[in-house]
Amino acid sequence: MTGVQPRRPGLPSVWMQLSEAQRGILLAVAGDMRLKDHRDIEGNKTYALHYPDDRSEPVDAGDVEVLVELGLISSNKKFPSATYWLTEQGNLTLRSSATAPDTNDTSDPTP
C-alpha cells in the first residue's frame, strides 16, 4: 500500500455528472427560489421549489437525494418541512461551471 488517496473528481466534472434537472435545481436554489421537502401524515416526503410569489413546482426526490449525497445542498432537517440551501461545495461547483472566456478570440475588443 502506497498511502496514496484516491483522487476526488474536480468541481467541473461534478457539474458534468449532474443531470439537466439536477443542474436546474442547483441554479434555482442559487437564485430566488426555495427548495423544501414536505411530509404528509403518513410520513411520505415530497420536494418542491417555491417561487417568491409562493407558487411551487414539484421536483424529483431522486434528483434532490443525489445533490444531498454529493454534498451540494443541505437542509435544516426540520419536520414536517425542511428548507434546503447550497453548501460551500455547491457554491464552488456552480462557480466552476461558468463558461470561461474564449482565450482563442483574437478580435480587438476596443470599438
Protein backbone atom coordinates (compact mmCIF):
# COMPACT_ATOMS: atom_id res chain seq x y z
CA MET A 1 0.00 0.00 0.00
CA THR A 2 1.45 3.34 -1.04
CA GLY A 3 -0.76 5.55 1.10
CA VAL A 4 -1.98 7.49 -1.95
CA GLN A 5 -5.55 8.65 -1.56
CA PRO A 6 -7.95 8.16 -4.48
CA ARG A 7 -8.36 11.35 -6.43
CA ARG A 8 -11.71 13.08 -5.97
CA PRO A 9 -13.34 14.34 -9.13
CA GLY A 10 -12.80 18.05 -9.75
CA LEU A 11 -15.67 20.50 -9.48
CA PRO A 12 -16.22 20.83 -13.23
CA SER A 13 -16.54 17.05 -13.50
CA VAL A 14 -19.15 17.06 -10.71
CA TRP A 15 -21.16 19.58 -12.73
CA MET A 16 -20.82 17.45 -15.86
CA GLN A 17 -22.10 14.37 -13.99
CA LEU A 18 -25.33 16.10 -12.97
CA SER A 19 -28.49 15.68 -14.98
CA GLU A 20 -30.17 18.71 -16.51
CA ALA A 21 -32.85 18.52 -13.79
CA GLN A 22 -30.22 18.43 -11.01
CA ARG A 23 -28.41 21.40 -12.52
CA GLY A 24 -31.72 23.24 -12.72
CA ILE A 25 -32.38 22.63 -9.03
CA LEU A 26 -28.95 23.99 -8.09
CA LEU A 27 -29.43 27.06 -10.25
CA ALA A 28 -32.92 27.65 -8.84
CA VAL A 29 -31.68 27.42 -5.23
CA ALA A 30 -28.81 29.76 -6.09
CA GLY A 31 -31.40 32.17 -7.48
CA ASP A 32 -34.51 33.34 -5.71
CA MET A 33 -36.28 30.01 -5.22
CA ARG A 34 -36.52 27.88 -2.07
CA LEU A 35 -36.26 24.10 -2.14
CA LYS A 36 -38.37 22.47 0.55
CA ASP A 37 -39.42 18.98 1.47
CA HIS A 38 -42.88 18.26 2.80
CA ARG A 39 -44.11 15.24 4.73
CA ASP A 40 -47.69 14.12 4.80
CA ILE A 41 -49.48 12.45 7.72
CA GLU A 42 -48.18 9.03 6.63
CA GLY A 43 -44.58 10.29 6.54
CA ASN A 44 -44.23 10.36 2.75
CA LYS A 45 -41.81 13.05 1.60
CA THR A 46 -42.17 15.22 -1.49
CA TYR A 47 -39.94 18.03 -2.73
CA ALA A 48 -40.86 21.34 -4.34
CA LEU A 49 -39.20 24.53 -5.49
CA HIS A 50 -41.05 27.57 -4.20
CA TYR A 51 -41.18 30.83 -6.15
CA PRO A 52 -41.08 34.19 -4.34
CA ASP A 53 -44.84 34.57 -5.03
CA ASP A 54 -45.47 31.25 -3.17
CA ARG A 55 -46.21 29.19 -6.27
CA SER A 56 -44.42 25.84 -6.15
CA GLU A 57 -43.13 23.31 -8.64
CA PRO A 58 -42.55 19.66 -7.68
CA VAL A 59 -39.08 18.20 -8.17
CA ASP A 60 -37.95 14.59 -8.33
CA ALA A 61 -36.89 13.13 -4.96
CA GLY A 62 -34.08 11.19 -6.62
CA ASP A 63 -32.57 14.39 -8.00
CA VAL A 64 -32.61 16.02 -4.57
CA GLU A 65 -31.10 12.91 -2.97
CA VAL A 66 -28.20 12.94 -5.46
CA LEU A 67 -27.48 16.60 -4.68
CA VAL A 68 -27.51 15.86 -0.93
CA GLU A 69 -25.27 12.79 -1.34
CA LEU A 70 -22.77 14.84 -3.36
CA GLY A 71 -22.74 17.46 -0.60
CA LEU A 72 -24.02 20.20 -2.91
CA ILE A 73 -27.10 21.02 -0.83
CA SER A 74 -28.07 20.56 2.80
CA SER A 75 -31.15 21.28 4.90
CA ASN A 76 -32.24 22.43 8.33
CA LYS A 77 -33.78 18.93 8.81
CA LYS A 78 -36.97 20.34 10.29
CA PHE A 79 -40.15 18.31 10.48
CA PRO A 80 -42.60 18.29 8.73
CA SER A 81 -41.00 20.68 6.23
CA ALA A 82 -37.27 21.25 5.75
CA THR A 83 -35.64 24.01 3.71
CA TYR A 84 -32.54 23.31 1.59
CA TRP A 85 -29.64 25.58 0.65
CA LEU A 86 -26.40 25.39 -1.29
CA THR A 87 -23.40 24.19 0.65
CA GLU A 88 -19.93 25.64 0.12
CA GLN A 89 -19.29 22.70 -2.22
CA GLY A 90 -22.49 23.54 -4.10
CA ASN A 91 -21.45 27.17 -4.49
CA LEU A 92 -17.98 26.16 -5.70
CA THR A 93 -19.49 23.71 -8.17
CA LEU A 94 -21.78 26.40 -9.58
CA ARG A 95 -18.92 28.89 -9.87
CA SER A 96 -16.73 26.33 -11.62
CA SER A 97 -19.49 25.61 -14.15
CA ALA A 98 -19.41 29.13 -15.57
CA THR A 99 -18.22 29.30 -19.14
CA ALA A 100 -14.64 30.51 -19.28
CA PRO A 101 -13.85 33.33 -21.69
CA ASP A 102 -12.63 32.20 -25.09
CA THR A 103 -8.86 32.59 -24.93
CA ASN A 104 -8.58 31.91 -28.68
CA ASP A 105 -10.52 35.04 -29.57
CA THR A 106 -8.09 37.37 -31.34
CA SER A 107 -10.58 40.10 -32.17
CA ASP A 108 -9.84 43.58 -30.91
CA PRO A 109 -12.26 44.36 -28.00
CA THR A 110 -11.93 48.14 -28.48
CA PRO A 111 -14.56 49.83 -30.64
